[in-house]
């Protein structure tokens, strides 16, 4: 689990973000995407590779709570390279 408390903190592949009942996180990705993690949520970043290569891909495992995601150029350059897994 990772605690992100300051603007500009970095997250990396393999980390999990957990927000408290009064918190939320807005993640701006290097491919110009946005991930908004609402209060009382848990999200695991399974894969994040954005190097303008055919192997680029993003895989996010949404475990609980509420999330909103706007994909960036990784998905535009390689449709299907972006996945958001949900419990349902």
PDB file of N, CA and C in Angstrom:
ATOM      1  N   UNK A   1       0.847  -1.172   0.000  1.00  0.00           N
ATOM      2  CA  UNK A   1       0.000   0.000   0.000  1.00  0.00           C
ATOM      3  C   UNK A   1       0.892   1.235   0.000  1.00  0.00           C
ATOM      4  N   UNK A   2       0.406   2.261  -0.641  1.00  0.00           N
ATOM      5  CA  UNK A   2       1.169   3.489  -0.747  1.00  0.00           C
ATOM      6  C   UNK A   2       0.358   4.638  -0.152  1.00  0.00           C
ATOM      7  N   UNK A   3       1.025   5.525   0.503  1.00  0.00           N
ATOM      8  CA  UNK A   3       0.362   6.716   1.036  1.00  0.00           C
ATOM      9  C   UNK A   3       0.829   7.897   0.197  1.00  0.00           C
ATOM     10  N   UNK A   4      -0.103   8.518  -0.495  1.00  0.00           N
ATOM     11  CA  UNK A   4       0.208   9.691  -1.314  1.00  0.00           C
ATOM     12  C   UNK A   4      -0.438  10.875  -0.627  1.00  0.00           C
ATOM     13  N   UNK A   5       0.376  11.791  -0.189  1.00  0.00           N
ATOM     14  CA  UNK A   5      -0.195  12.920   0.544  1.00  0.00           C
ATOM     15  C   UNK A   5       0.168  14.274  -0.051  1.00  0.00           C
ATOM     16  N   UNK A   6       1.138  14.287  -0.933  1.00  0.00           N
ATOM     17  CA  UNK A   6       1.579  15.567  -1.481  1.00  0.00           C
ATOM     18  C   UNK A   6       1.391  15.612  -2.993  1.00  0.00           C
ATOM     19  N   UNK A   7       1.040  16.783  -3.495  1.00  0.00           N
ATOM     20  CA  UNK A   7       0.951  16.983  -4.931  1.00  0.00           C
ATOM     21  C   UNK A   7       2.325  16.701  -5.521  1.00  0.00           C
ATOM     22  N   UNK A   8       2.352  15.920  -6.586  1.00  0.00           N
ATOM     23  CA  UNK A   8       3.613  15.607  -7.238  1.00  0.00           C
ATOM     24  C   UNK A   8       4.228  14.295  -6.811  1.00  0.00           C
ATOM     25  N   UNK A   9       3.681  13.641  -5.771  1.00  0.00           N
ATOM     26  CA  UNK A   9       4.183  12.326  -5.392  1.00  0.00           C
ATOM     27  C   UNK A   9       4.021  11.376  -6.575  1.00  0.00           C
ATOM     28  N   UNK A  10       4.911  10.410  -6.705  1.00  0.00           N
ATOM     29  CA  UNK A  10       4.864   9.449  -7.811  1.00  0.00           C
ATOM     30  C   UNK A  10       4.342   8.100  -7.339  1.00  0.00           C
ATOM     31  N   UNK A  11       3.664   7.418  -8.240  1.00  0.00           N
ATOM     32  CA  UNK A  11       3.233   6.034  -8.031  1.00  0.00           C
ATOM     33  C   UNK A  11       3.918   5.181  -9.075  1.00  0.00           C
ATOM     34  N   UNK A  12       4.068   3.897  -8.768  1.00  0.00           N
ATOM     35  CA  UNK A  12       4.753   3.005  -9.676  1.00  0.00           C
ATOM     36  C   UNK A  12       3.977   1.704  -9.843  1.00  0.00           C
ATOM     37  N   UNK A  13       4.275   1.028 -10.933  1.00  0.00           N
ATOM     38  CA  UNK A  13       3.698  -0.281 -11.199  1.00  0.00           C
ATOM     39  C   UNK A  13       3.868  -1.177  -9.974  1.00  0.00           C
ATOM     40  N   UNK A  14       2.803  -1.889  -9.616  1.00  0.00           N
ATOM     41  CA  UNK A  14       2.849  -2.796  -8.484  1.00  0.00           C
ATOM     42  C   UNK A  14       2.356  -2.190  -7.178  1.00  0.00           C
ATOM     43  N   UNK A  15       2.112  -0.890  -7.159  1.00  0.00           N
ATOM     44  CA  UNK A  15       1.660  -0.242  -5.929  1.00  0.00           C
ATOM     45  C   UNK A  15       0.138  -0.226  -5.850  1.00  0.00           C
ATOM     46  N   UNK A  16      -0.357  -0.124  -4.619  1.00  0.00           N
ATOM     47  CA  UNK A  16      -1.787  -0.066  -4.346  1.00  0.00           C
ATOM     48  C   UNK A  16      -2.104   1.257  -3.668  1.00  0.00           C
ATOM     49  N   UNK A  17      -3.168   1.903  -4.129  1.00  0.00           N
ATOM     50  CA  UNK A  17      -3.611   3.167  -3.552  1.00  0.00           C
ATOM     51  C   UNK A  17      -4.887   2.905  -2.766  1.00  0.00           C
ATOM     52  N   UNK A  18      -4.911   3.350  -1.525  1.00  0.00           N
ATOM     53  CA  UNK A  18      -6.090   3.209  -0.667  1.00  0.00           C
ATOM     54  C   UNK A  18      -6.454   4.605  -0.174  1.00  0.00           C
ATOM     55  N   UNK A  19      -7.709   4.989  -0.386  1.00  0.00           N
ATOM     56  CA  UNK A  19      -8.168   6.294   0.104  1.00  0.00           C
ATOM     57  C   UNK A  19      -9.054   6.089   1.327  1.00  0.00           C
ATOM     58  N   UNK A  20      -8.999   7.014   2.255  1.00  0.00           N
ATOM     59  CA  UNK A  20      -9.800   6.949   3.473  1.00  0.00           C
ATOM     60  C   UNK A  20     -11.210   7.477   3.231  1.00  0.00           C
ATOM     61  N   UNK A  21     -12.034   7.453   4.277  1.00  0.00           N
ATOM     62  CA  UNK A  21     -13.423   7.873   4.143  1.00  0.00           C
ATOM     63  C   UNK A  21     -13.601   9.351   3.776  1.00  0.00           C
ATOM     64  N   UNK A  22     -12.596  10.173   4.035  1.00  0.00           N
ATOM     65  CA  UNK A  22     -12.683  11.598   3.707  1.00  0.00           C
ATOM     66  C   UNK A  22     -11.659  12.026   2.666  1.00  0.00           C
ATOM     67  N   UNK A  23     -11.061  11.058   1.983  1.00  0.00           N
ATOM     68  CA  UNK A  23     -10.004  11.401   1.034  1.00  0.00           C
ATOM     69  C   UNK A  23     -10.308  10.926  -0.370  1.00  0.00           C
ATOM     70  N   UNK A  24      -9.562  11.475  -1.314  1.00  0.00           N
ATOM     71  CA  UNK A  24      -9.595  10.980  -2.673  1.00  0.00           C
ATOM     72  C   UNK A  24      -8.280  11.352  -3.324  1.00  0.00           C
ATOM     73  N   UNK A  25      -7.970  10.680  -4.434  1.00  0.00           N
ATOM     74  CA  UNK A  25      -6.718  10.926  -5.144  1.00  0.00           C
ATOM     75  C   UNK A  25      -7.015  11.149  -6.615  1.00  0.00           C
ATOM     76  N   UNK A  26      -6.347  12.125  -7.197  1.00  0.00           N
ATOM     77  CA  UNK A  26      -6.441  12.379  -8.635  1.00  0.00           C
ATOM     78  C   UNK A  26      -5.050  12.132  -9.199  1.00  0.00           C
ATOM     79  N   UNK A  27      -4.923  11.113 -10.009  1.00  0.00           N
ATOM     80  CA  UNK A  27      -3.637  10.728 -10.566  1.00  0.00           C
ATOM     81  C   UNK A  27      -3.553  11.185 -12.013  1.00  0.00           C
ATOM     82  N   UNK A  28      -2.541  11.950 -12.327  1.00  0.00           N
ATOM     83  CA  UNK A  28      -2.300  12.387 -13.691  1.00  0.00           C
ATOM     84  C   UNK A  28      -1.169  11.516 -14.234  1.00  0.00           C
ATOM     85  N   UNK A  29      -1.442  10.782 -15.296  1.00  0.00           N
ATOM     86  CA  UNK A  29      -0.485   9.817 -15.821  1.00  0.00           C
ATOM     87  C   UNK A  29       0.442  10.460 -16.851  1.00  0.00           C
ATOM     88  N   UNK A  30       1.594   9.839 -17.073  1.00  0.00           N
ATOM     89  CA  UNK A  30       2.567  10.405 -18.010  1.00  0.00           C
ATOM     90  C   UNK A  30       2.063  10.376 -19.449  1.00  0.00           C
ATOM     91  N   UNK A  31       1.024   9.600 -19.737  1.00  0.00           N
ATOM     92  CA  UNK A  31       0.452   9.589 -21.084  1.00  0.00           C
ATOM     93  C   UNK A  31      -0.756  10.531 -21.182  1.00  0.00           C
ATOM     94  N   UNK A  32      -0.837  11.485 -20.266  1.00  0.00           N
ATOM     95  CA  UNK A  32      -1.887  12.515 -20.234  1.00  0.00           C
ATOM     96  C   UNK A  32      -3.269  11.966 -19.916  1.00  0.00           C
ATOM     97  N   UNK A  33      -3.327  10.876 -19.185  1.00  0.00           N
ATOM     98  CA  UNK A  33      -4.599  10.341 -18.709  1.00  0.00           C
ATOM     99  C   UNK A  33      -4.887  10.834 -17.301  1.00  0.00           C
ATOM    100  N   UNK A  34      -6.042  10.451 -16.793  1.00  0.00           N
ATOM    101  CA  UNK A  34      -6.456  10.846 -15.453  1.00  0.00           C
ATOM    102  C   UNK A  34      -7.163   9.677 -14.788  1.00  0.00           C
ATOM    103  N   UNK A  35      -6.817   9.417 -13.531  1.00  0.00           N
ATOM    104  CA  UNK A  35      -7.494   8.410 -12.720  1.00  0.00           C
ATOM    105  C   UNK A  35      -7.934   9.108 -11.442  1.00  0.00           C
ATOM    106  N   UNK A  36      -9.243   9.173 -11.227  1.00  0.00           N
ATOM    107  CA  UNK A  36      -9.794   9.797 -10.019  1.00  0.00           C
ATOM    108  C   UNK A  36     -10.278   8.673  -9.112  1.00  0.00           C
ATOM    109  N   UNK A  37      -9.664   8.559  -7.952  1.00  0.00           N
ATOM    110  CA  UNK A  37     -10.002   7.515  -6.985  1.00  0.00           C
ATOM    111  C   UNK A  37     -10.770   8.187  -5.855  1.00  0.00           C
ATOM    112  N   UNK A  38     -12.007   7.793  -5.695  1.00  0.00           N
ATOM    113  CA  UNK A  38     -12.896   8.427  -4.714  1.00  0.00           C
ATOM    114  C   UNK A  38     -12.628   7.907  -3.310  1.00  0.00           C
ATOM    115  N   UNK A  39     -13.344   8.434  -2.334  1.00  0.00           N
ATOM    116  CA  UNK A  39     -13.152   8.057  -0.932  1.00  0.00           C
ATOM    117  C   UNK A  39     -13.462   6.581  -0.709  1.00  0.00           C
ATOM    118  N   UNK A  40     -12.808   6.013   0.284  1.00  0.00           N
ATOM    119  CA  UNK A  40     -12.983   4.608   0.682  1.00  0.00           C
ATOM    120  C   UNK A  40     -12.808   3.653  -0.494  1.00  0.00           C
ATOM    121  N   UNK A  41     -11.746   3.855  -1.239  1.00  0.00           N
ATOM    122  CA  UNK A  41     -11.479   3.040  -2.430  1.00  0.00           C
ATOM    123  C   UNK A  41     -10.107   2.387  -2.352  1.00  0.00           C
ATOM    124  N   UNK A  42      -9.939   1.352  -3.169  1.00  0.00           N
ATOM    125  CA  UNK A  42      -8.672   0.623  -3.223  1.00  0.00           C
ATOM    126  C   UNK A  42      -8.401   0.245  -4.677  1.00  0.00           C
ATOM    127  N   UNK A  43      -7.220   0.642  -5.188  1.00  0.00           N
ATOM    128  CA  UNK A  43      -6.846   0.433  -6.582  1.00  0.00           C
ATOM    129  C   UNK A  43      -5.407  -0.071  -6.638  1.00  0.00           C
ATOM    130  N   UNK A  44      -5.167  -1.114  -7.446  1.00  0.00           N
ATOM    131  CA  UNK A  44      -3.819  -1.668  -7.613  1.00  0.00           C
ATOM    132  C   UNK A  44      -3.346  -1.402  -9.043  1.00  0.00           C
ATOM    133  N   UNK A  45      -2.170  -0.809  -9.176  1.00  0.00           N
ATOM    134  CA  UNK A  45      -1.585  -0.542 -10.485  1.00  0.00           C
ATOM    135  C   UNK A  45      -0.792  -1.796 -10.888  1.00  0.00           C
ATOM    136  N   UNK A  46      -1.386  -2.639 -11.738  1.00  0.00           N
ATOM    137  CA  UNK A  46      -0.738  -3.894 -12.119  1.00  0.00           C
ATOM    138  C   UNK A  46       0.363  -3.681 -13.150  1.00  0.00           C
ATOM    139  N   UNK A  47       0.068  -2.858 -14.159  1.00  0.00           N
ATOM    140  CA  UNK A  47       1.055  -2.598 -15.207  1.00  0.00           C
ATOM    141  C   UNK A  47       0.951  -1.138 -15.601  1.00  0.00           C
ATOM    142  N   UNK A  48       2.099  -0.504 -15.768  1.00  0.00           N
ATOM    143  CA  UNK A  48       2.113   0.853 -16.292  1.00  0.00           C
ATOM    144  C   UNK A  48       3.403   1.043 -17.064  1.00  0.00           C
ATOM    145  N   UNK A  49       3.280   1.004 -18.373  1.00  0.00           N
ATOM    146  CA  UNK A  49       4.437   1.170 -19.244  1.00  0.00           C
ATOM    147  C   UNK A  49       4.040   2.128 -20.358  1.00  0.00           C
ATOM    148  N   UNK A  50       4.641   3.290 -20.390  1.00  0.00           N
ATOM    149  CA  UNK A  50       4.311   4.324 -21.379  1.00  0.00           C
ATOM    150  C   UNK A  50       5.603   4.918 -21.927  1.00  0.00           C
ATOM    151  N   UNK A  51       6.156   4.253 -22.950  1.00  0.00           N
ATOM    152  CA  UNK A  51       7.421   4.685 -23.543  1.00  0.00           C
ATOM    153  C   UNK A  51       7.307   4.916 -25.046  1.00  0.00           C
ATOM    154  N   UNK A  52       6.072   5.043 -25.541  1.00  0.00           N
ATOM    155  CA  UNK A  52       5.810   5.186 -26.983  1.00  0.00           C
ATOM    156  C   UNK A  52       6.331   3.993 -27.768  1.00  0.00           C
ATOM    157  N   UNK A  53       6.145   2.799 -27.203  1.00  0.00           N
ATOM    158  CA  UNK A  53       6.569   1.559 -27.828  1.00  0.00           C
ATOM    159  C   UNK A  53       5.357   0.634 -28.015  1.00  0.00           C
ATOM    160  N   UNK A  54       5.449  -0.342 -28.916  1.00  0.00           N
ATOM    161  CA  UNK A  54       4.334  -1.279 -29.105  1.00  0.00           C
ATOM    162  C   UNK A  54       4.026  -2.111 -27.857  1.00  0.00           C
ATOM    163  N   UNK A  55       4.971  -2.206 -26.940  1.00  0.00           N
ATOM    164  CA  UNK A  55       4.767  -2.979 -25.712  1.00  0.00           C
ATOM    165  C   UNK A  55       4.115  -2.176 -24.596  1.00  0.00           C
ATOM    166  N   UNK A  56       3.835  -0.892 -24.837  1.00  0.00           N
ATOM    167  CA  UNK A  56       3.187  -0.053 -23.825  1.00  0.00           C
ATOM    168  C   UNK A  56       1.850  -0.651 -23.412  1.00  0.00           C
ATOM    169  N   UNK A  57       1.510  -0.469 -22.156  1.00  0.00           N
ATOM    170  CA  UNK A  57       0.223  -0.936 -21.674  1.00  0.00           C
ATOM    171  C   UNK A  57      -0.038  -0.475 -20.254  1.00  0.00           C
ATOM    172  N   UNK A  58      -1.317  -0.368 -19.936  1.00  0.00           N
ATOM    173  CA  UNK A  58      -1.738   0.030 -18.600  1.00  0.00           C
ATOM    174  C   UNK A  58      -2.816  -0.938 -18.145  1.00  0.00           C
ATOM    175  N   UNK A  59      -2.634  -1.486 -16.952  1.00  0.00           N
ATOM    176  CA  UNK A  59      -3.621  -2.392 -16.373  1.00  0.00           C
ATOM    177  C   UNK A  59      -3.844  -1.980 -14.924  1.00  0.00           C
ATOM    178  N   UNK A  60      -5.080  -1.616 -14.618  1.00  0.00           N
ATOM    179  CA  UNK A  60      -5.445  -1.157 -13.288  1.00  0.00           C
ATOM    180  C   UNK A  60      -6.492  -2.104 -12.728  1.00  0.00           C
ATOM    181  N   UNK A  61      -6.254  -2.585 -11.524  1.00  0.00           N
ATOM    182  CA  UNK A  61      -7.196  -3.484 -10.862  1.00  0.00           C
ATOM    183  C   UNK A  61      -7.939  -2.680  -9.800  1.00  0.00           C
ATOM    184  N   UNK A  62      -9.205  -2.402 -10.067  1.00  0.00           N
ATOM    185  CA  UNK A  62     -10.067  -1.658  -9.157  1.00  0.00           C
ATOM    186  C   UNK A  62     -10.659  -2.664  -8.180  1.00  0.00           C
ATOM    187  N   UNK A  63     -10.310  -2.553  -6.908  1.00  0.00           N
ATOM    188  CA  UNK A  63     -10.688  -3.556  -5.915  1.00  0.00           C
ATOM    189  C   UNK A  63     -11.958  -3.203  -5.146  1.00  0.00           C
ATOM    190  N   UNK A  64     -12.129  -1.920  -4.802  1.00  0.00           N
ATOM    191  CA  UNK A  64     -13.348  -1.503  -4.087  1.00  0.00           C
ATOM    192  C   UNK A  64     -13.492   0.006  -4.123  1.00  0.00           C
ATOM    193  N   UNK A  65     -14.726   0.475  -3.936  1.00  0.00           N
ATOM    194  CA  UNK A  65     -14.995   1.903  -3.891  1.00  0.00           C
ATOM    195  C   UNK A  65     -15.511   2.444  -5.202  1.00  0.00           C
ATOM    196  N   UNK A  66     -15.007   3.614  -5.606  1.00  0.00           N
ATOM    197  CA  UNK A  66     -15.437   4.272  -6.837  1.00  0.00           C
ATOM    198  C   UNK A  66     -14.230   4.879  -7.541  1.00  0.00           C
ATOM    199  N   UNK A  67     -14.230   4.781  -8.855  1.00  0.00           N
ATOM    200  CA  UNK A  67     -13.111   5.278  -9.654  1.00  0.00           C
ATOM    201  C   UNK A  67     -13.640   5.845 -10.964  1.00  0.00           C
ATOM    202  N   UNK A  68     -12.913   6.820 -11.493  1.00  0.00           N
ATOM    203  CA  UNK A  68     -13.194   7.335 -12.825  1.00  0.00           C
ATOM    204  C   UNK A  68     -11.867   7.405 -13.553  1.00  0.00           C
ATOM    205  N   UNK A  69     -11.863   6.954 -14.792  1.00  0.00           N
ATOM    206  CA  UNK A  69     -10.615   6.904 -15.537  1.00  0.00           C
ATOM    207  C   UNK A  69     -10.805   7.469 -16.940  1.00  0.00           C
ATOM    208  N   UNK A  70      -9.862   8.303 -17.352  1.00  0.00           N
ATOM    209  CA  UNK A  70      -9.806   8.806 -18.718  1.00  0.00           C
ATOM    210  C   UNK A  70      -8.449   8.391 -19.262  1.00  0.00           C
ATOM    211  N   UNK A  71      -8.456   7.514 -20.254  1.00  0.00           N
ATOM    212  CA  UNK A  71      -7.190   7.004 -20.773  1.00  0.00           C
ATOM    213  C   UNK A  71      -6.453   8.073 -21.568  1.00  0.00           C
ATOM    214  N   UNK A  72      -5.141   7.907 -21.653  1.00  0.00           N
ATOM    215  CA  UNK A  72      -4.285   8.837 -22.380  1.00  0.00           C
ATOM    216  C   UNK A  72      -3.840   8.267 -23.712  1.00  0.00           C
ATOM    217  N   UNK A  73      -2.672   8.699 -24.163  1.00  0.00           N
ATOM    218  CA  UNK A  73      -2.218   8.318 -25.489  1.00  0.00           C
ATOM    219  C   UNK A  73      -1.827   6.853 -25.622  1.00  0.00           C
ATOM    220  N   UNK A  74      -1.536   6.145 -24.536  1.00  0.00           N
ATOM    221  CA  UNK A  74      -1.214   4.714 -24.654  1.00  0.00           C
ATOM    222  C   UNK A  74      -2.371   3.973 -25.315  1.00  0.00           C
ATOM    223  N   UNK A  75      -3.584   4.239 -24.862  1.00  0.00           N
ATOM    224  CA  UNK A  75      -4.758   3.585 -25.435  1.00  0.00           C
ATOM    225  C   UNK A  75      -5.041   4.069 -26.857  1.00  0.00           C
ATOM    226  N   UNK A  76      -4.746   5.318 -27.135  1.00  0.00           N
ATOM    227  CA  UNK A  76      -4.985   5.848 -28.477  1.00  0.00           C
ATOM    228  C   UNK A  76      -4.002   5.256 -29.492  1.00  0.00           C
ATOM    229  N   UNK A  77      -2.748   5.073 -29.075  1.00  0.00           N
ATOM    230  CA  UNK A  77      -1.744   4.495 -29.979  1.00  0.00           C
ATOM    231  C   UNK A  77      -1.883   2.989 -30.133  1.00  0.00           C
ATOM    232  N   UNK A  78      -2.359   2.330 -29.078  1.00  0.00           N
ATOM    233  CA  UNK A  78      -2.473   0.876 -29.083  1.00  0.00           C
ATOM    234  C   UNK A  78      -3.804   0.471 -28.450  1.00  0.00           C
ATOM    235  N   UNK A  79      -4.907   0.583 -29.195  1.00  0.00           N
ATOM    236  CA  UNK A  79      -6.215   0.238 -28.632  1.00  0.00           C
ATOM    237  C   UNK A  79      -6.203  -1.172 -28.011  1.00  0.00           C
ATOM    238  N   UNK A  80      -6.741  -1.264 -26.833  1.00  0.00           N
ATOM    239  CA  UNK A  80      -6.738  -2.530 -26.112  1.00  0.00           C
ATOM    240  C   UNK A  80      -5.591  -2.655 -25.130  1.00  0.00           C
ATOM    241  N   UNK A  81      -4.655  -1.708 -25.168  1.00  0.00           N
ATOM    242  CA  UNK A  81      -3.512  -1.771 -24.245  1.00  0.00           C
ATOM    243  C   UNK A  81      -3.847  -1.205 -22.877  1.00  0.00           C
ATOM    244  N   UNK A  82      -5.067  -0.695 -22.727  1.00  0.00           N
ATOM    245  CA  UNK A  82      -5.501  -0.119 -21.469  1.00  0.00           C
ATOM    246  C   UNK A  82      -6.632  -0.988 -20.904  1.00  0.00           C
ATOM    247  N   UNK A  83      -6.457  -1.456 -19.686  1.00  0.00           N
ATOM    248  CA  UNK A  83      -7.540  -2.244 -19.078  1.00  0.00           C
ATOM    249  C   UNK A  83      -7.786  -1.794 -17.652  1.00  0.00           C
ATOM    250  N   UNK A  84      -9.055  -1.761 -17.299  1.00  0.00           N
ATOM    251  CA  UNK A  84      -9.502  -1.436 -15.960  1.00  0.00           C
ATOM    252  C   UNK A  84     -10.335  -2.613 -15.484  1.00  0.00           C
ATOM    253  N   UNK A  85      -9.765  -3.402 -14.585  1.00  0.00           N
ATOM    254  CA  UNK A  85     -10.450  -4.596 -14.064  1.00  0.00           C
ATOM    255  C   UNK A  85     -11.299  -4.212 -12.870  1.00  0.00           C
ATOM    256  N   UNK A  86     -12.513  -4.755 -12.810  1.00  0.00           N
ATOM    257  CA  UNK A  86     -13.424  -4.466 -11.710  1.00  0.00           C
ATOM    258  C   UNK A  86     -13.847  -5.773 -11.037  1.00  0.00           C
ATOM    259  N   UNK A  87     -14.359  -5.706  -9.799  1.00  0.00           N
ATOM    260  CA  UNK A  87     -14.794  -6.929  -9.120  1.00  0.00           C
ATOM    261  C   UNK A  87     -16.033  -7.567  -9.750  1.00  0.00           C
ATOM    262  N   UNK A  88     -16.802  -6.780 -10.490  1.00  0.00           N
ATOM    263  CA  UNK A  88     -18.048  -7.323 -11.072  1.00  0.00           C
ATOM    264  C   UNK A  88     -17.806  -8.021 -12.393  1.00  0.00           C
TER     265      UNK A  88
END
